[in-house]
Every structure is written in structure tokens, then in C-alpha cells.
Amino acid sequence: MADNTFASNTVVELLVPHAADTDIEEILQNADVENLATSIKQRDLLFFDEILSVYTVLRTTYEDEQSLKDRVNSISIGIEAHAISSLGNQDPNRDRQPSSGPIRDTLWSGKVDVTADPITMVIGTAEQEQNVLLVWKTTVSLSRPRIRLSTPTIVFKAFASFRSAITREETKSDPYLPSGIPLTSNILQPLGTDTAFKNSHPHLAALRLTQKQPGIKRALGESIQLTTVAPRACRVMPALSSRIRAQKAPFRSETPSMIASLEVDIPPFAPYPMKITGVHLALAHGKVTEIGGQLRKFPMALHARDQIVCLYSLLQDGQVEGKSFLPLQVTIDVSIDVSDNCHPRIQVKFQANVDFQGPKEEKAKPSQIAPGDQLVDSTSEMQTSTTEEKLGVVIKFTAKNPVYVGEPFYWDVFVMNRSGRQRRLGLSMLHKKRLGGERFIPSRPLSISGGHRQQLDTIASPFTDDNLLYTDMKNFHRDMTQLICLNTDLKIGPLNPGSCYSTEMQFLALTNGLLNADAIRLTDYTTNEAVDLLQLPDIFAFSRR
């Protein structure tokens, strides 16, 4: 069978079967060989961070075993997985026109190892033309996209090419310089007849001046592209969200230590129950110990809107020279129960840097400390958070203390819509209003008519209370602004029911001491309702010395 005939009769298909726990041979025996993509039920929902098994099926005409093996070794098959946004390149927070075509991000790409022993199935009888199926299994890890996608979908693509026999022979006998191609001209050849060179022949190739190759290398044959069939696009979603926080340990130890908090949240739109089979933390040049591990047993069953928090103690192995940040590897293994024969496996991996040193601040000397001042360890960081529910929306403010005068600082704002309709919200800070005002004390008239002068002479002078006078003097000028919000109007949304949003509010402290934000107004732009949030974190501001 000629190579062109082999290439025209060969089809490469990608399969992502729904029954992932079932043997692929059993699935293929019960399927239509001519229409594998439609006769086999495939996955319609995938997850980010999923470790997926993709099967590459090569269908061709069977001739003999040796020729089939030689041709298979000359095939190159590549697989790519792309995440595509169905709404195009459009940012809802910006007023601009979407660009043409959807945006995409490559989640995984690789090649199929055709040298491995495939699963072989011969279909047909000896009297008829026989077809052979060669199946390779490839493990694909669907990483998270690096760009923000709206309603993402997963698209698989296969690339298959075949090198003919002529191409393989030319590849084996490829010379460094192809024969029959002349060398480049000698620029200094006219100087060869000059007697001053004394029988030396100067040579300067034109290649050194033009920076071109000695000649156009003859092509090593053309690769024949094979027909490929990929599965249809399917939906993809995150199975969970996680984050880790670390702060100084409240106890003293001989080696630097930190307390790490790992939070795992299950989104409210999770369609299937899942199990967390294990959580593992590894610290370079350090030791990780779980706090309260005896109270937690894996696997742990979770459902939508569930949240778990794991605490760990991080201990550094002595002083690591030249390294202020140590990498912390976090691995979360999850199993999702989609059906009886489909249990996708999720493995979330990420790295966080832990700073055991903290910012270096010089403490004030005892002679420089004013009476009443206290020494504050600036390396210690404390987080305070408050939660309030208004208009069917839960808002959580998280502040980190201490902060410093004249330096911007941030509050983490987490908003969850627990109402039954879509919300468009706005946050703005309310400044303290002036209490009281100027009081007008009438003075005695300058001129009085003669008929009433004798009666007014018997009236005593106006009496003024000292407390009232002190209050008027104090409130004559407005109070000095102590805290400024750098976000004049922070817009949030639209938020669908059950969705959440995370953002930041930026502030600037103008004086030291204990500062309080009077109120933050929450406005619903859909109904024009507004409420004031009064339970806000305290702010401890210090002056850098």
C-alpha cells in the first residue's frame, strides 16, 4: 500500500469518554467504528485543575503487522487544549467595544508517545477489508487560564502528520552541505594575482558580508497531514477556590515560626458533591505541622457553599542566608462524584512565598521615647475583620494593622449576594459632620430711645454660661480630617444571586493613634436604596521614626 493511500485512509480521533472508570476496550467494542465521536458518550462538563485521560484513536486499513509498525513510527500526533471565552474579548468593567473573535488561552499542549505499545483492535473478517484501531492514553492536566474568561469552554485540537518513505531516507542521509550547490564567491579573488601576497591566496567569502546561508537547503520531503476529529467543545468551571494566609505566631520560639491558614471554598454553583481526599503542605528549608489534625479526617465530603479552614504551624530550619522568602507548596486533592462510572480527579497546586523575617524597622532608643509612648514591634501584623448583612448582601471588611501615617493602606472587601435578584452596588465613605455650630448672642443695642432708657438701665447684663461658651469655641472650627478614603465611589457588580466579589478599598491616615471610619454607605443603584455600615475595623496608625 502506497504512503499516499495510507495517509488518505487514516483518521485520528480524540475521545474523552464519560465513563472514565470503564476500560476503553469495552467502550470501543460497543461503539460504531465509523462514528466514534457520536456513538460514545463523552464528557460535557470539565473542571479546571482536573487530571484528565484523553484517548487518541488511530483508524486505518490493516495490511500486515510490520508495515503498520513502520508507518506508525513515522506518525507525529500533538494535542492542545484551549479555554475559549464565549462572550469574546469584552471586559464588563470597561466601556469599550469587543474585539473580533473570542479570546482563548492554551491550558495544555503536548505530544502523544507513539513509540509506546498501543491498544490494538482489528475489526473485520479476512475476506473483507480489515480496519485496525490503535489507542494511546494521554494524561492531560487542565491548568487554570492566565486571563479572565466569561463563560469559558474547553476545545481540544489534534495535529497529526505522516512522513513518507522518501522523507525518512533523506532524513537518515542528510549531509551538512547538500551536494551540487556551489560555494559562495570569494570577494578577495582579484587580489590573488598581486605579487605582494607571495603565493598566498586571500579568501573572504561573500557569506561573511551578506550574512546568508551557503545555499538554500533542499527540503527533506513534505509531511502529509492526516485527517483529525476532535470532540465538541464542552463547558468548564472551577471546582473550588483556595487561598492561604500566614502571620507571626503568637508564641515565642527559638526558630522563626508562622501560623498559616488555608481556606477552601466550594462555589455555590457546584453541580456535584465532592470529596477532599488530602491536603499537603511542603516548606522549603522548614517544617510544616498541622494544628488540630486529629479532629479532621480525609476524605471529607463537601457540597455547594461549604468552606473548610486548615491551620498549620510553619517552622524555619535555622537561619537561611540570602533568602528572606521561603516557598510554600500547597497541594489539594479532590474527587468529584459525577456518576457511578465517572469520578474526575482534581489536583490544585500553587506556591506561596512566606516571609519569616518581616520588614526591618529600627526601634527608637530609650532617650528618644517621649513620655506615654510605647515601643511597637512593627514586624507583628494583626488582622481584624467585621461582617455585616444589609439589603440581602453580606459584606466583610478585613484590615491589617498597624498602618503608618502618610502611607496608603488597603481593606479587603468581600461581598456575597444572598438575595434573590441581581444587584449593582456602590461603596463610599462618609466623613464626620460638624456637631453644633456658631451661636449668635445678641448684644445690647447701641442707641435707645429716650422713653425706654430709664427702664433698660435697671436690666442686668446678659449672662453667658461658661460651658456653652467653651462648646462654641471648640466647634467654631471643623475637626481636622484624620482619615481619607482614596476610593471616591467603588462600584461592585452586577452580582447574580449567590455570587460573590472581592475588591479593595484604599485609605490614607493623616495622624497617628486609634482612628475610626465613621461609616461606609452601601448603595443599590438598581433600587436607589442606601444603608450605612457602622461595624468597621479599627485602625492603628503609627509614625515612622
Protein backbone atom coordinates (compact mmCIF):
# COMPACT_ATOMS: atom_id res chain seq x y z
CA MET A 1 0.00 0.00 0.00
CA ALA A 2 1.46 3.36 -1.02
CA ASP A 3 2.10 6.09 1.51
CA ASN A 4 -0.47 8.41 -0.04
CA THR A 5 -3.11 5.68 0.15
CA PHE A 6 -2.21 5.02 3.79
CA ALA A 7 -2.50 8.72 4.63
CA SER A 8 -5.88 9.07 2.91
CA ASN A 9 -7.29 6.01 4.74
CA THR A 10 -6.03 7.10 8.20
CA VAL A 11 -8.13 9.10 10.66
CA VAL A 12 -7.02 10.31 14.11
CA GLU A 13 -9.75 10.93 16.70
CA LEU A 14 -9.69 12.27 20.26
CA LEU A 15 -12.04 10.77 22.83
CA VAL A 16 -12.90 11.99 26.33
CA PRO A 17 -15.39 9.30 27.39
CA HIS A 18 -17.89 9.98 30.14
CA ALA A 19 -17.34 6.51 31.62
CA ALA A 20 -13.78 7.29 32.63
CA ASP A 21 -13.64 4.37 35.09
CA THR A 22 -14.60 1.81 32.39
CA ASP A 23 -11.99 0.01 30.28
CA ILE A 24 -11.52 1.68 26.89
CA GLU A 25 -11.53 -1.69 25.07
CA GLU A 26 -15.01 -2.42 26.40
CA ILE A 27 -16.19 1.01 25.28
CA LEU A 28 -14.80 0.59 21.75
CA GLN A 29 -16.29 -2.88 21.30
CA ASN A 30 -19.79 -1.49 21.86
CA ALA A 31 -19.29 1.56 19.63
CA ASP A 32 -19.63 2.28 15.93
CA VAL A 33 -16.11 2.34 14.50
CA GLU A 34 -17.05 4.71 11.69
CA ASN A 35 -18.61 7.25 14.09
CA LEU A 36 -16.77 7.02 17.39
CA ALA A 37 -17.41 10.64 18.38
CA THR A 38 -21.19 10.26 18.19
CA SER A 39 -21.58 6.65 19.33
CA ILE A 40 -19.57 7.08 22.54
CA LYS A 41 -20.95 9.31 25.30
CA GLN A 42 -18.34 11.91 26.14
CA ARG A 43 -17.86 14.42 28.94
CA ASP A 44 -19.97 17.59 28.71
CA LEU A 45 -18.50 19.32 31.79
CA LEU A 46 -14.85 19.59 32.78
CA PHE A 47 -13.10 21.27 35.68
CA PHE A 48 -10.02 23.41 36.00
CA ASP A 49 -7.05 21.65 37.65
CA GLU A 50 -8.52 18.32 36.54
CA ILE A 51 -6.22 15.43 35.65
CA LEU A 52 -7.97 14.11 32.56
CA SER A 53 -7.45 10.98 30.46
CA VAL A 54 -7.64 11.70 26.72
CA TYR A 55 -7.60 8.75 24.31
CA THR A 56 -6.09 9.10 20.83
CA VAL A 57 -7.60 6.59 18.38
CA LEU A 58 -5.89 5.99 15.03
CA ARG A 59 -8.09 4.16 12.50
CA THR A 60 -6.50 2.88 9.30
CA THR A 61 -6.60 -0.02 6.85
CA TYR A 62 -4.82 -3.14 8.06
CA GLU A 63 -2.23 -4.69 5.70
CA ASP A 64 0.44 -6.52 7.68
CA GLU A 65 1.96 -6.05 11.10
CA GLN A 66 5.48 -4.98 10.06
CA SER A 67 4.41 -2.31 7.54
CA LEU A 68 1.85 -0.98 10.04
CA LYS A 69 4.54 -0.69 12.71
CA ASP A 70 6.93 1.16 10.39
CA ARG A 71 4.28 3.65 9.33
CA VAL A 72 3.06 4.23 12.88
CA ASN A 73 6.60 5.12 13.99
CA SER A 74 6.62 7.79 11.26
CA ILE A 75 3.47 9.47 12.60
CA SER A 76 3.61 12.54 14.83
CA ILE A 77 0.49 13.39 16.88
CA GLY A 78 0.05 16.51 19.01
CA ILE A 79 -2.80 17.54 21.33
CA GLU A 80 -3.76 21.02 22.53
CA ALA A 81 -6.45 22.09 24.99
CA HIS A 82 -7.72 25.66 24.71
CA ALA A 83 -10.06 27.62 27.00
CA ILE A 84 -12.28 29.94 24.94
CA SER A 85 -14.48 32.76 26.17
CA SER A 86 -17.93 32.61 24.67
CA LEU A 87 -18.53 36.36 25.14
CA GLY A 88 -15.41 37.47 23.31
CA ASN A 89 -12.75 39.89 24.45
CA GLN A 90 -15.02 42.09 26.50
CA ASP A 91 -14.36 43.46 29.96
CA PRO A 92 -17.62 44.30 31.77
CA ASN A 93 -15.82 46.92 33.91
CA ARG A 94 -14.66 48.94 30.90
CA ASP A 95 -16.61 50.79 28.26
CA ARG A 96 -15.08 49.52 25.04
CA GLN A 97 -16.16 47.54 22.04
CA PRO A 98 -15.37 43.80 21.98
CA SER A 99 -12.71 42.66 19.56
CA SER A 100 -13.41 40.31 16.71
CA GLY A 101 -13.47 36.65 17.65
CA PRO A 102 -13.35 35.00 21.07
CA ILE A 103 -10.25 35.16 23.23
CA ARG A 104 -8.52 31.91 24.13
CA ASP A 105 -5.77 30.60 26.36
CA THR A 106 -3.78 27.38 25.99
CA LEU A 107 -4.22 25.22 29.08
CA TRP A 108 -2.16 22.22 27.95
CA SER A 109 -0.18 21.09 24.92
CA GLY A 110 1.88 18.01 24.29
CA LYS A 111 2.66 15.10 22.01
CA VAL A 112 1.41 11.52 22.01
CA ASP A 113 4.10 8.91 22.62
CA VAL A 114 3.51 6.72 19.56
CA THR A 115 6.51 4.54 20.47
CA ALA A 116 4.59 3.12 23.44
CA ASP A 117 2.63 -0.09 22.91
CA PRO A 118 -0.92 0.91 21.95
CA ILE A 119 -4.13 -0.98 22.47
CA THR A 120 -4.74 -2.74 19.13
CA MET A 121 -8.12 -3.87 17.84
CA VAL A 122 -8.63 -5.45 14.40
CA ILE A 123 -12.14 -5.05 13.02
CA GLY A 124 -13.48 -7.03 10.09
CA THR A 125 -13.04 -10.51 8.57
CA ALA A 126 -10.25 -11.91 6.42
CA GLU A 127 -12.45 -11.90 3.31
CA GLN A 128 -13.27 -8.20 3.69
CA GLU A 129 -11.09 -5.16 4.09
CA GLN A 130 -9.96 -5.04 7.68
CA ASN A 131 -9.56 -1.91 9.77
CA VAL A 132 -7.31 -1.60 12.76
CA LEU A 133 -7.70 0.71 15.76
CA LEU A 134 -4.65 1.87 17.69
CA VAL A 135 -5.40 3.59 21.02
CA TRP A 136 -2.98 5.63 23.13
CA LYS A 137 -3.82 7.10 26.52
CA THR A 138 -2.54 10.60 27.37
CA THR A 139 -2.83 12.28 30.76
CA VAL A 140 -3.80 15.93 30.39
CA SER A 141 -3.68 18.42 33.26
CA LEU A 142 -6.07 21.32 32.69
CA SER A 143 -4.41 24.30 34.33
CA ARG A 144 -6.26 27.49 35.18
CA PRO A 145 -6.36 30.17 32.47
CA ARG A 146 -4.00 33.12 32.80
CA ILE A 147 -6.64 35.58 31.58
CA ARG A 148 -10.16 36.30 32.70
CA LEU A 149 -12.74 34.43 30.62
CA SER A 150 -16.52 34.81 30.57
CA THR A 151 -18.44 31.54 30.37
CA PRO A 152 -15.36 29.52 29.31
CA THR A 153 -15.45 26.34 27.26
CA ILE A 154 -12.77 23.74 26.52
CA VAL A 155 -11.79 22.89 22.94
CA PHE A 156 -9.39 20.03 22.10
CA LYS A 157 -7.36 20.03 18.91
CA ALA A 158 -5.30 17.23 17.38
CA PHE A 159 -2.43 17.66 14.90
CA ALA A 160 -1.22 14.56 13.05
CA SER A 161 1.36 14.31 10.26
CA PHE A 162 2.98 11.39 8.44
CA ARG A 163 6.45 11.23 6.93
CA SER A 164 6.70 9.23 3.73
CA ALA A 165 9.41 6.68 2.95
CA ILE A 166 11.34 9.18 0.80
CA THR A 167 11.34 11.65 3.64
CA ARG A 168 12.66 9.06 6.07
CA GLU A 169 15.54 8.12 3.75
CA GLU A 170 16.51 11.74 3.21
CA THR A 171 16.43 12.33 6.95
CA LYS A 172 18.88 9.49 7.58
CA SER A 173 21.36 10.61 4.85
CA ASP A 174 21.17 14.36 5.33
CA PRO A 175 24.59 15.92 4.57
CA TYR A 176 25.83 19.04 6.27
CA LEU A 177 26.20 20.78 2.88
CA PRO A 178 23.88 19.45 0.17
CA SER A 179 25.71 18.22 -2.93
CA GLY A 180 25.53 20.10 -6.23
CA ILE A 181 25.37 23.55 -4.59
CA PRO A 182 28.43 25.79 -5.29
CA LEU A 183 30.27 27.65 -2.57
CA THR A 184 29.87 31.38 -2.20
CA SER A 185 32.07 33.70 -4.21
CA ASN A 186 35.44 34.95 -2.94
CA ILE A 187 35.43 38.73 -2.51
CA LEU A 188 39.28 38.91 -2.45
CA GLN A 189 39.85 36.71 -5.51
CA PRO A 190 41.13 39.65 -7.73
CA LEU A 191 43.99 40.15 -5.24
CA GLY A 192 45.31 36.63 -5.80
CA THR A 193 47.50 37.80 -8.71
CA ASP A 194 49.21 40.52 -6.70
CA THR A 195 52.91 39.75 -6.14
CA ALA A 196 52.84 41.38 -2.72
CA PHE A 197 50.97 38.37 -1.25
CA LYS A 198 53.84 35.98 -2.21
CA ASN A 199 51.91 32.93 -3.35
CA SER A 200 49.23 33.36 -0.62
CA HIS A 201 45.68 33.37 -1.84
CA PRO A 202 43.47 35.73 0.20
CA HIS A 203 39.94 34.49 0.72
CA LEU A 204 36.84 36.25 2.06
CA ALA A 205 33.52 34.53 1.48
CA ALA A 206 30.59 36.67 0.50
CA LEU A 207 28.67 34.90 3.25
CA ARG A 208 30.56 36.92 5.88
CA LEU A 209 29.37 40.17 4.36
CA THR A 210 25.81 39.29 3.40
CA GLN A 211 25.07 37.01 6.43
CA LYS A 212 23.26 34.46 4.28
CA GLN A 213 23.38 30.71 4.25
CA PRO A 214 25.71 28.96 1.80
CA GLY A 215 22.67 27.98 -0.18
CA ILE A 216 19.02 27.12 0.17
CA LYS A 217 18.90 23.78 1.88
CA ARG A 218 16.92 21.31 -0.10
CA ALA A 219 13.71 20.37 1.62
CA LEU A 220 13.70 16.95 3.26
CA GLY A 221 10.42 15.95 1.73
CA GLU A 222 6.98 17.10 2.70
CA SER A 223 4.99 15.70 5.62
CA ILE A 224 1.49 14.53 4.82
CA GLN A 225 -1.24 15.89 7.08
CA LEU A 226 -3.66 13.28 8.40
CA THR A 227 -7.37 13.75 8.97
CA THR A 228 -8.20 14.52 12.62
CA VAL A 229 -11.50 14.52 14.50
CA ALA A 230 -11.71 16.27 17.88
CA PRO A 231 -14.60 16.16 20.36
CA ARG A 232 -17.04 19.04 20.52
CA ALA A 233 -16.49 21.93 22.90
CA CYS A 234 -17.65 21.35 26.47
CA ARG A 235 -18.20 23.59 29.46
CA VAL A 236 -15.53 24.10 32.09
CA MET A 237 -15.70 25.57 35.59
CA PRO A 238 -13.57 25.77 38.74
CA ALA A 239 -14.25 23.03 41.26
CA LEU A 240 -13.10 25.09 44.26
CA SER A 241 -11.28 28.23 45.28
CA SER A 242 -8.49 28.35 47.84
CA ARG A 243 -6.21 30.86 49.47
CA ILE A 244 -3.61 30.79 52.22
CA ARG A 245 -2.61 33.41 54.75
CA ALA A 246 0.32 33.49 57.15
CA GLN A 247 1.15 35.64 60.15
CA LYS A 248 3.58 35.66 63.03
CA ALA A 249 2.99 33.02 65.68
CA PRO A 250 1.64 34.45 68.96
CA PHE A 251 4.18 32.43 70.97
CA ARG A 252 7.94 32.70 71.18
CA SER A 253 10.21 30.01 69.80
CA GLU A 254 13.91 29.54 69.23
CA THR A 255 13.44 29.37 65.45
CA PRO A 256 11.25 31.70 63.35
CA SER A 257 7.67 30.41 63.20
CA MET A 258 4.45 31.34 61.42
CA ILE A 259 0.81 30.31 61.58
CA ALA A 260 -0.71 29.55 58.15
CA SER A 261 -4.45 29.42 57.47
CA LEU A 262 -5.63 27.54 54.37
CA GLU A 263 -9.22 28.29 53.29
CA VAL A 264 -11.04 26.11 50.76
CA ASP A 265 -14.40 27.33 49.42
CA ILE A 266 -16.85 25.35 47.29
CA PRO A 267 -18.67 27.65 44.84
CA PRO A 268 -22.45 27.94 45.15
CA PHE A 269 -22.94 26.71 41.58
CA ALA A 270 -21.12 23.39 42.11
CA PRO A 271 -23.41 20.80 40.46
CA TYR A 272 -22.00 17.63 42.06
CA PRO A 273 -20.89 16.57 45.54
CA MET A 274 -17.16 16.20 46.02
CA LYS A 275 -14.63 14.81 48.45
CA ILE A 276 -11.34 16.30 49.56
CA THR A 277 -9.04 13.30 49.74
CA GLY A 278 -5.95 15.07 51.04
CA VAL A 279 -4.19 18.37 51.72
CA HIS A 280 -0.40 18.57 51.73
CA LEU A 281 1.91 21.49 52.50
CA ALA A 282 5.68 21.45 51.94
CA LEU A 283 8.00 24.26 53.07
CA ALA A 284 11.49 24.58 51.64
CA HIS A 285 14.08 24.75 54.42
CA GLY A 286 11.37 24.29 57.01
CA LYS A 287 8.86 22.03 58.69
CA VAL A 288 5.05 22.04 58.46
CA THR A 289 2.87 20.74 61.31
CA GLU A 290 -0.92 20.59 61.13
CA ILE A 291 -2.84 22.10 64.04
CA GLY A 292 -5.88 20.08 65.10
CA GLY A 293 -5.27 17.38 62.52
CA GLN A 294 -6.71 14.69 64.76
CA LEU A 295 -10.11 16.41 64.51
CA ARG A 296 -10.14 16.30 60.70
CA LYS A 297 -10.36 13.09 58.71
CA PHE A 298 -10.00 12.65 54.97
CA PRO A 299 -11.79 12.01 52.68
CA MET A 300 -14.15 14.81 53.66
CA ALA A 301 -17.49 15.15 51.86
CA LEU A 302 -18.41 18.67 50.77
CA HIS A 303 -21.28 20.31 48.92
CA ALA A 304 -22.01 23.71 47.39
CA ARG A 305 -21.30 26.75 49.62
CA ASP A 306 -19.23 24.68 52.06
CA GLN A 307 -15.98 26.03 53.48
CA ILE A 308 -13.17 24.44 55.45
CA VAL A 309 -10.20 26.06 57.19
CA CYS A 310 -6.96 24.21 57.97
CA LEU A 311 -4.33 25.63 60.34
CA TYR A 312 -0.65 24.81 60.10
CA SER A 313 2.46 25.72 62.06
CA LEU A 314 5.47 26.67 59.91
CA LEU A 315 8.93 26.38 61.45
CA GLN A 316 12.08 27.52 59.69
CA ASP A 317 15.18 25.32 59.87
CA GLY A 318 17.59 27.84 61.37
CA GLN A 319 18.71 30.94 59.53
CA VAL A 320 18.70 30.66 55.74
CA GLU A 321 21.34 33.01 54.40
CA GLY A 322 20.40 35.21 51.47
CA LYS A 323 16.74 34.14 51.50
CA SER A 324 14.04 36.27 53.10
CA PHE A 325 11.16 34.43 51.41
CA LEU A 326 10.72 30.67 51.56
CA PRO A 327 8.46 28.91 49.01
CA LEU A 328 5.47 27.02 50.40
CA GLN A 329 3.99 24.36 48.12
CA VAL A 330 0.28 23.64 48.60
CA THR A 331 -1.43 20.58 47.08
CA ILE A 332 -5.17 19.83 47.41
CA ASP A 333 -6.56 16.54 46.05
CA VAL A 334 -10.28 16.38 45.28
CA SER A 335 -12.56 13.71 43.85
CA ILE A 336 -15.92 14.64 42.29
CA ASP A 337 -18.83 12.20 42.12
CA VAL A 338 -20.36 12.91 38.69
CA SER A 339 -21.87 9.44 38.20
CA ASP A 340 -21.31 5.81 39.15
CA ASN A 341 -18.61 5.33 36.50
CA CYS A 342 -17.24 8.90 36.34
CA HIS A 343 -15.17 10.32 39.22
CA PRO A 344 -12.96 13.14 37.96
CA ARG A 345 -9.79 13.77 39.95
CA ILE A 346 -8.79 17.36 40.74
CA GLN A 347 -5.34 18.36 41.96
CA VAL A 348 -4.89 22.03 42.86
CA LYS A 349 -1.25 23.09 43.10
CA PHE A 350 0.09 26.55 43.84
CA GLN A 351 3.04 28.17 45.54
CA ALA A 352 3.09 30.96 48.10
CA ASN A 353 6.10 32.81 49.49
CA VAL A 354 6.36 33.10 53.29
CA ASP A 355 8.41 35.90 54.81
CA PHE A 356 9.84 34.84 58.17
CA GLN A 357 11.97 37.97 58.52
CA GLY A 358 9.32 40.64 58.12
CA PRO A 359 10.05 44.29 57.36
CA LYS A 360 13.13 45.58 59.13
CA GLU A 361 12.32 48.60 61.29
CA GLU A 362 14.66 50.37 63.69
CA LYS A 363 13.25 50.72 67.17
CA ALA A 364 13.55 54.06 68.88
CA LYS A 365 16.22 54.43 71.54
CA PRO A 366 15.05 54.93 75.15
CA SER A 367 16.28 58.55 75.07
CA GLN A 368 14.11 59.27 72.03
CA ILE A 369 10.87 57.94 73.50
CA ALA A 370 8.50 60.60 74.69
CA PRO A 371 6.54 60.07 77.92
CA GLY A 372 3.47 57.98 77.27
CA ASP A 373 4.86 56.43 74.06
CA GLN A 374 5.19 52.67 73.74
CA LEU A 375 7.53 50.53 71.74
CA VAL A 376 5.58 48.77 68.98
CA ASP A 377 7.05 45.77 67.17
CA SER A 378 6.38 46.68 63.52
CA THR A 379 7.10 43.14 62.35
CA SER A 380 3.96 41.83 64.04
CA GLU A 381 0.86 42.01 61.88
CA MET A 382 -2.68 41.72 63.15
CA GLN A 383 -5.79 41.28 61.05
CA THR A 384 -9.20 42.49 62.12
CA SER A 385 -12.37 41.82 60.20
CA THR A 386 -16.02 42.72 60.55
CA THR A 387 -19.06 41.25 58.82
CA GLU A 388 -22.43 42.91 58.28
CA GLU A 389 -25.53 41.94 56.29
CA LYS A 390 -27.63 44.65 54.68
CA LEU A 391 -30.05 44.61 51.72
CA GLY A 392 -29.60 40.84 51.45
CA VAL A 393 -25.87 41.32 50.86
CA VAL A 394 -23.11 40.10 53.19
CA ILE A 395 -20.08 42.42 53.32
CA LYS A 396 -16.86 41.55 55.11
CA PHE A 397 -14.11 44.11 55.71
CA THR A 398 -10.63 42.83 56.58
CA ALA A 399 -7.94 45.29 57.74
CA LYS A 400 -4.28 44.71 58.52
CA ASN A 401 -2.68 46.61 61.39
CA PRO A 402 -0.56 48.54 62.09
CA VAL A 403 -0.56 51.21 59.38
CA TYR A 404 1.68 54.23 59.06
CA VAL A 405 0.88 57.91 58.68
CA GLY A 406 1.18 59.20 55.13
CA GLU A 407 1.32 55.73 53.57
CA PRO A 408 -1.70 54.26 51.73
CA PHE A 409 -3.17 51.05 53.12
CA TYR A 410 -5.93 48.71 51.96
CA TRP A 411 -9.00 46.96 53.26
CA ASP A 412 -10.03 43.69 51.66
CA VAL A 413 -13.75 43.80 50.86
CA PHE A 414 -15.65 40.55 50.26
CA VAL A 415 -19.26 40.81 49.06
CA MET A 416 -21.76 37.95 48.66
CA ASN A 417 -25.24 38.39 47.21
CA ARG A 418 -27.68 36.29 49.21
CA SER A 419 -30.77 37.96 47.83
CA GLY A 420 -32.95 36.57 45.08
CA ARG A 421 -32.15 39.13 42.39
CA GLN A 422 -29.23 40.79 40.67
CA ARG A 423 -27.51 43.65 42.47
CA ARG A 424 -25.46 46.66 41.33
CA LEU A 425 -23.78 48.11 44.39
CA GLY A 426 -21.55 51.01 45.32
CA LEU A 427 -19.43 51.75 48.40
CA SER A 428 -18.46 55.23 49.56
CA MET A 429 -17.06 56.54 52.83
CA LEU A 430 -18.98 59.12 54.87
CA HIS A 431 -16.89 61.74 56.67
CA LYS A 432 -17.71 63.06 60.11
CA LYS A 433 -20.07 66.03 60.11
CA ARG A 434 -19.65 69.06 62.31
CA LEU A 435 -21.63 68.89 65.53
CA GLY A 436 -23.23 72.13 66.57
CA GLY A 437 -22.34 75.49 65.03
CA GLU A 438 -21.86 79.13 65.68
CA ARG A 439 -24.24 80.60 68.19
CA PHE A 440 -25.45 84.17 67.85
CA ILE A 441 -25.51 86.06 71.15
CA PRO A 442 -27.40 89.31 70.76
CA SER A 443 -25.61 92.33 72.13
CA ARG A 444 -27.17 95.37 73.73
CA PRO A 445 -28.48 97.99 71.33
CA LEU A 446 -26.20 100.92 70.64
CA SER A 447 -28.95 103.54 70.64
CA ILE A 448 -32.13 103.57 72.75
CA SER A 449 -34.99 105.95 72.58
CA GLY A 450 -35.43 108.33 75.49
CA GLY A 451 -38.78 106.91 76.63
CA HIS A 452 -37.43 103.48 77.45
CA ARG A 453 -33.91 104.40 78.57
CA GLN A 454 -34.74 104.54 82.27
CA GLN A 455 -36.36 101.08 82.17
CA LEU A 456 -33.37 99.47 80.39
CA ASP A 457 -30.91 100.90 82.87
CA THR A 458 -32.43 98.65 85.52
CA ILE A 459 -31.87 95.45 83.39
CA ALA A 460 -28.72 93.43 84.21
CA SER A 461 -26.09 92.48 81.63
CA PRO A 462 -26.64 89.22 79.62
CA PHE A 463 -25.45 86.08 81.43
CA THR A 464 -23.30 83.60 79.46
CA ASP A 465 -22.70 80.03 80.68
CA ASP A 466 -19.01 79.06 80.67
CA ASN A 467 -19.78 75.56 79.36
CA LEU A 468 -21.80 77.00 76.49
CA LEU A 469 -19.00 79.41 75.65
CA TYR A 470 -16.41 76.61 75.68
CA THR A 471 -18.58 74.47 73.36
CA ASP A 472 -18.96 77.35 70.92
CA MET A 473 -15.23 77.97 70.87
CA LYS A 474 -14.48 74.29 70.31
CA ASN A 475 -16.98 73.88 67.48
CA PHE A 476 -16.08 77.12 65.80
CA HIS A 477 -13.64 75.29 63.51
CA ARG A 478 -14.27 71.93 61.92
CA ASP A 479 -12.41 68.89 63.25
CA MET A 480 -9.19 68.08 61.41
CA THR A 481 -9.57 65.24 58.93
CA GLN A 482 -7.80 62.17 60.27
CA LEU A 483 -8.63 59.56 57.63
CA ILE A 484 -9.13 59.88 53.87
CA CYS A 485 -10.68 57.28 51.57
CA LEU A 486 -8.90 57.28 48.21
CA ASN A 487 -11.80 55.43 46.52
CA THR A 488 -14.44 58.08 46.00
CA ASP A 489 -17.06 55.65 44.68
CA LEU A 490 -16.32 51.93 44.45
CA LYS A 491 -18.72 50.12 42.10
CA ILE A 492 -19.46 46.41 42.50
CA GLY A 493 -21.45 44.26 40.17
CA PRO A 494 -23.56 43.20 38.57
CA LEU A 495 -23.81 40.39 41.13
CA ASN A 496 -26.11 37.49 40.37
CA PRO A 497 -27.90 35.69 43.23
CA GLY A 498 -25.44 33.52 45.12
CA SER A 499 -22.34 35.06 43.52
CA CYS A 500 -19.51 36.78 45.36
CA TYR A 501 -16.99 39.52 44.61
CA SER A 502 -13.68 40.58 46.15
CA THR A 503 -12.14 44.03 45.89
CA GLU A 504 -10.10 46.56 47.87
CA MET A 505 -10.65 49.98 49.42
CA GLN A 506 -7.67 52.30 49.75
CA PHE A 507 -7.21 54.73 52.66
CA LEU A 508 -4.65 57.27 53.88
CA ALA A 509 -4.05 58.07 57.55
CA LEU A 510 -3.13 61.71 58.31
CA THR A 511 -2.49 61.40 62.05
CA ASN A 512 -1.33 58.70 64.42
CA GLY A 513 -3.33 56.95 67.08
CA LEU A 514 -6.57 54.98 67.04
CA LEU A 515 -8.62 56.03 64.03
CA ASN A 516 -12.17 55.06 63.17
CA ALA A 517 -14.03 55.24 59.89
CA ASP A 518 -17.38 56.76 60.82
CA ALA A 519 -19.48 54.90 58.25
CA ILE A 520 -19.42 53.42 54.79
CA ARG A 521 -22.56 53.85 52.71
CA LEU A 522 -23.81 50.88 50.70
CA THR A 523 -25.96 51.94 47.73
CA ASP A 524 -28.04 49.72 45.47
CA TYR A 525 -28.08 51.50 42.09
CA THR A 526 -30.99 49.38 40.86
CA THR A 527 -33.48 50.46 43.55
CA ASN A 528 -31.58 53.53 44.89
CA GLU A 529 -31.68 52.06 48.40
CA ALA A 530 -28.85 53.10 50.71
CA VAL A 531 -27.76 51.90 54.14
CA ASP A 532 -24.82 52.91 56.33
CA LEU A 533 -22.37 50.27 57.56
CA LEU A 534 -21.20 51.15 61.05
CA GLN A 535 -19.39 47.99 62.17
CA LEU A 536 -15.97 48.71 60.67
CA PRO A 537 -12.47 47.60 61.68
CA ASP A 538 -10.35 49.78 63.93
CA ILE A 539 -7.24 51.42 62.52
CA PHE A 540 -4.00 51.75 64.49
CA ALA A 541 -1.77 54.36 62.83
CA PHE A 542 1.85 54.96 63.83
CA SER A 543 4.50 57.44 62.75
CA ARG A 544 7.70 56.02 61.34
CA ARG A 545 10.69 57.07 63.37
